[in-house]
Protein backbone atom coordinates (compact mmCIF):
# COMPACT_ATOMS: atom_id res chain seq x y z
CA UNK A 1 -1.02 -16.76 2.88
CA UNK A 2 -1.30 -15.25 -0.58
CA UNK A 3 -3.72 -12.69 -1.84
CA UNK A 4 -4.50 -12.04 -5.48
CA UNK A 5 -5.93 -8.52 -6.26
CA UNK A 6 -6.61 -7.33 -9.75
CA UNK A 7 -6.59 -3.50 -10.04
CA UNK A 8 -6.78 -1.31 -13.06
CA UNK A 9 -3.41 0.31 -12.33
CA UNK A 10 -0.71 0.60 -9.78
CA UNK A 11 -2.20 3.92 -8.93
CA UNK A 12 -5.05 2.05 -7.27
CA UNK A 13 -2.78 0.16 -5.00
CA UNK A 14 -1.02 3.50 -4.11
CA UNK A 15 -4.37 4.81 -2.99
CA UNK A 16 -4.87 1.77 -0.88
CA UNK A 17 -1.45 2.24 0.67
CA UNK A 18 -2.23 5.91 1.52
CA UNK A 19 -5.60 4.86 3.06
CA UNK A 20 -3.97 2.28 5.26
CA UNK A 21 -1.40 4.87 6.56
CA UNK A 22 -4.20 7.39 7.16
CA UNK A 23 -6.27 4.84 9.03
CA UNK A 24 -3.23 3.77 11.01
CA UNK A 25 -2.65 7.31 12.18
CA UNK A 26 -6.20 7.46 13.51
CA UNK A 27 -5.69 4.28 15.55
CA UNK A 28 -2.43 5.13 17.14
CA UNK A 29 -4.04 6.09 20.63
CA UNK A 30 -6.79 3.62 20.91
CA UNK A 31 -5.30 0.50 19.05
CA UNK A 32 -1.67 0.94 18.58
CA UNK A 33 -1.19 -2.87 17.68
CA UNK A 34 -3.75 -2.47 14.84
CA UNK A 35 -2.16 0.77 13.66
CA UNK A 36 1.28 -1.04 13.43
CA UNK A 37 -0.23 -3.88 11.58
CA UNK A 38 -1.84 -1.53 9.06
CA UNK A 39 1.52 0.32 8.62
CA UNK A 40 3.24 -2.98 8.08
CA UNK A 41 0.70 -3.94 5.39
CA UNK A 42 1.11 -0.48 3.76
CA UNK A 43 4.91 -0.92 3.76
CA UNK A 44 4.70 -4.34 2.33
CA UNK A 45 2.39 -3.21 -0.41
CA UNK A 46 4.69 -0.25 -1.09
CA UNK A 47 7.68 -2.52 -1.28
CA UNK A 48 5.86 -4.69 -3.81
CA UNK A 49 5.00 -1.65 -5.90
CA UNK A 50 8.65 -0.46 -5.87
CA UNK A 51 9.79 -3.97 -7.00
CA UNK A 52 7.58 -3.75 -10.24
CA UNK A 53 9.26 -2.67 -13.46
CA UNK A 54 8.37 0.84 -14.50
CA UNK A 55 5.00 0.98 -16.39
CA UNK A 56 5.27 1.63 -20.06
CA UNK A 57 3.73 5.20 -19.56
CA UNK A 58 6.55 6.03 -17.03
CA UNK A 59 9.20 4.43 -19.18
CA UNK A 60 8.21 6.43 -22.37
CA UNK A 61 8.44 9.79 -20.49
């Protein structure tokens, strides 16, 4: 399955990754399988972010 999401910047996706990780922490005790799935999603999104070329703003620093 593929998902296309249009965000204003990579910072937005970084916030989503952080939110998934925070939410996963709250589910560890009551729903560990769900917590692991959210961590996997966060890691996959993070890997996709890492694979992107540097933004023009970062490149110009």
